[in-house]
Amino acid sequence: MPQDKRDLPSPNNASPHTAPAFTVGPQGMINPGPGKFIAEKGEVVAWEITNASNQQITVTLMDFFRKPNIFHRRGDPHDPVNDYFGWIPNPNSYSLQLGGPNPNQGFLYAMILKKPKGWLGDSLSYTIRVTAADNSFDIYWDPDGDIKP
């Protein structure tokens, strides 16, 4: 199945302190996108994910890039920050299975491990991958419209 990459702008009213929460609907659709956040060393970011797709899915957060500022549309592919996070409870907990025998709501937690480049913290661009257990869809969503290669 070819990669299905889609734009997913964060809501206009998103602020740096909005929780990055989102709901996955039928066929892997996400609307609206998750809120924006600023990453500071020692803080924990919690993504709240709800599965309303009526299917078993896996949600993966990936391809984190630093942006010049929170209002900038694109992350810098030459400034990746995939090692920026300490995923909790273990280094491989950046994916979440929801639905079927699993709960329909869950959280992904990451502690910021590195000092930000910006004095107010760093703003990041990232990809949300939503995959159906039955392979009926596999969508790569980019919350800031930053469709990655």
Protein backbone atom coordinates (compact mmCIF):
# COMPACT_ATOMS: atom_id res chain seq x y z
CA MET A 1 0.00 0.00 0.00
CA PRO A 2 1.50 3.41 -0.96
CA GLN A 3 1.98 5.98 1.79
CA ASP A 4 -1.03 8.24 2.21
CA LYS A 5 0.33 11.61 3.46
CA ARG A 6 -2.12 14.30 4.55
CA ASP A 7 -2.05 17.86 5.84
CA LEU A 8 -3.51 18.29 9.33
CA PRO A 9 -3.30 21.92 10.51
CA SER A 10 -3.53 22.55 14.23
CA PRO A 11 -6.62 24.57 15.19
CA ASN A 12 -6.28 28.33 14.80
CA ASN A 13 -6.97 28.80 18.50
CA ALA A 14 -4.15 26.46 19.50
CA SER A 15 -1.75 27.96 22.00
CA PRO A 16 1.61 26.77 23.29
CA HIS A 17 -0.07 25.38 26.40
CA THR A 18 -2.80 23.40 24.62
CA ALA A 19 -2.62 19.67 25.20
CA PRO A 20 -1.81 17.82 21.98
CA ALA A 21 -5.03 15.75 22.01
CA PHE A 22 -6.78 14.28 18.97
CA THR A 23 -9.45 11.78 17.94
CA VAL A 24 -9.05 9.19 15.18
CA GLY A 25 -12.38 8.77 13.37
CA PRO A 26 -13.63 6.35 10.69
CA GLN A 27 -11.04 5.38 8.06
CA GLY A 28 -8.28 6.96 10.16
CA MET A 29 -9.53 10.53 9.75
CA ILE A 30 -8.32 13.17 12.26
CA ASN A 31 -10.08 16.53 12.50
CA PRO A 32 -9.22 18.87 14.12
CA GLY A 33 -5.50 18.41 14.53
CA PRO A 34 -3.82 18.32 17.92
CA GLY A 35 -2.92 21.51 19.76
CA LYS A 36 0.52 23.05 19.54
CA PHE A 37 2.99 22.85 22.40
CA ILE A 38 6.40 24.21 23.36
CA ALA A 39 9.02 21.74 24.58
CA GLU A 40 11.10 22.62 27.65
CA LYS A 41 13.77 20.38 29.19
CA GLY A 42 12.45 18.31 32.11
CA GLU A 43 8.79 18.72 31.18
CA VAL A 44 6.53 15.83 30.19
CA VAL A 45 4.33 16.11 27.11
CA ALA A 46 1.17 13.97 27.12
CA TRP A 47 -0.67 13.23 23.88
CA GLU A 48 -4.28 12.20 24.55
CA ILE A 49 -5.54 9.93 21.76
CA THR A 50 -9.12 8.74 21.31
CA ASN A 51 -10.12 5.99 18.88
CA ALA A 52 -13.58 6.59 17.41
CA SER A 53 -12.85 4.61 14.23
CA ASN A 54 -14.61 1.39 15.31
CA GLN A 55 -11.44 -0.44 14.25
CA GLN A 56 -8.30 -1.62 15.98
CA ILE A 57 -5.55 0.89 15.18
CA THR A 58 -1.94 1.71 15.96
CA VAL A 59 -0.97 5.36 16.39
CA THR A 60 2.73 6.26 16.11
CA LEU A 61 4.39 9.64 16.67
CA MET A 62 7.48 10.12 14.49
CA ASP A 63 9.69 12.44 12.39
CA PHE A 64 10.12 15.25 14.91
CA PHE A 65 11.76 18.40 13.49
CA ARG A 66 12.52 21.69 15.26
CA LYS A 67 10.73 24.78 13.88
CA PRO A 68 12.13 28.33 13.96
CA ASN A 69 9.12 29.37 16.13
CA ILE A 70 5.64 28.14 17.05
CA PHE A 71 3.98 30.10 14.23
CA HIS A 72 6.32 28.80 11.52
CA ARG A 73 4.58 26.26 9.28
CA ARG A 74 7.45 23.83 8.69
CA GLY A 75 10.04 22.05 10.74
CA ASP A 76 13.64 22.00 9.54
CA PRO A 77 14.47 18.54 8.13
CA HIS A 78 18.14 19.34 8.83
CA ASP A 79 17.33 19.79 12.53
CA PRO A 80 15.69 16.50 13.59
CA VAL A 81 14.86 16.02 17.26
CA ASN A 82 13.79 12.37 17.38
CA ASP A 83 16.24 11.86 20.28
CA TYR A 84 14.73 14.84 22.10
CA PHE A 85 12.32 12.66 24.08
CA GLY A 86 12.56 10.03 26.77
CA TRP A 87 9.41 8.03 26.08
CA ILE A 88 7.63 6.87 29.23
CA PRO A 89 7.52 4.14 30.47
CA ASN A 90 10.17 2.85 28.04
CA PRO A 91 12.13 4.03 24.97
CA ASN A 92 9.79 2.20 22.58
CA SER A 93 6.49 3.65 23.84
CA TYR A 94 5.97 6.14 21.00
CA SER A 95 3.21 3.88 19.55
CA LEU A 96 -0.18 3.06 21.00
CA GLN A 97 -2.66 0.32 20.08
CA LEU A 98 -6.31 1.25 20.52
CA GLY A 99 -9.61 -0.57 19.93
CA GLY A 100 -10.43 -4.23 19.67
CA PRO A 101 -9.13 -5.84 22.87
CA ASN A 102 -7.40 -2.53 23.80
CA PRO A 103 -9.05 0.56 25.32
CA ASN A 104 -10.39 3.24 22.96
CA GLN A 105 -8.51 6.04 24.66
CA GLY A 106 -4.88 6.26 25.67
CA PHE A 107 -1.89 8.48 26.24
CA LEU A 108 1.66 8.71 24.95
CA TYR A 109 4.09 10.40 27.35
CA ALA A 110 7.51 11.84 26.64
CA MET A 111 9.93 13.71 28.87
CA ILE A 112 11.98 16.42 27.18
CA LEU A 113 15.63 15.43 27.66
CA LYS A 114 17.51 18.21 25.91
CA LYS A 115 17.91 21.90 26.52
CA PRO A 116 15.98 23.94 23.93
CA LYS A 117 17.72 26.18 21.42
CA GLY A 118 15.10 28.90 21.85
CA TRP A 119 14.91 30.92 25.07
CA LEU A 120 11.16 30.17 25.38
CA GLY A 121 11.60 26.53 24.40
CA ASP A 122 11.41 24.74 21.09
CA SER A 123 8.45 24.29 18.79
CA LEU A 124 8.35 20.99 16.96
CA SER A 125 6.81 19.57 13.83
CA TYR A 126 6.00 15.87 13.78
CA THR A 127 4.05 13.14 12.00
CA ILE A 128 1.16 11.07 13.34
CA ARG A 129 0.92 7.67 11.65
CA VAL A 130 -2.44 5.89 11.96
CA THR A 131 -2.55 2.26 10.80
CA ALA A 132 -5.57 -0.07 10.83
CA ALA A 133 -4.91 -3.57 12.14
CA ASP A 134 -6.69 -4.95 9.05
CA ASN A 135 -4.47 -2.79 6.74
CA SER A 136 -7.50 -0.93 5.34
CA PHE A 137 -5.66 2.36 5.88
CA ASP A 138 -2.19 3.63 6.74
CA ILE A 139 -2.18 7.43 6.93
CA TYR A 140 0.66 9.83 7.76
CA TRP A 141 -0.78 13.05 9.23
CA ASP A 142 1.29 16.19 9.70
CA PRO A 143 -0.24 18.49 12.34
CA ASP A 144 1.37 21.67 11.06
CA GLY A 145 0.92 20.92 7.38
CA ASP A 146 4.57 19.91 7.22
CA ILE A 147 4.30 17.01 4.76
CA LYS A 148 7.62 15.23 5.11
CA PRO A 149 9.40 13.52 2.24
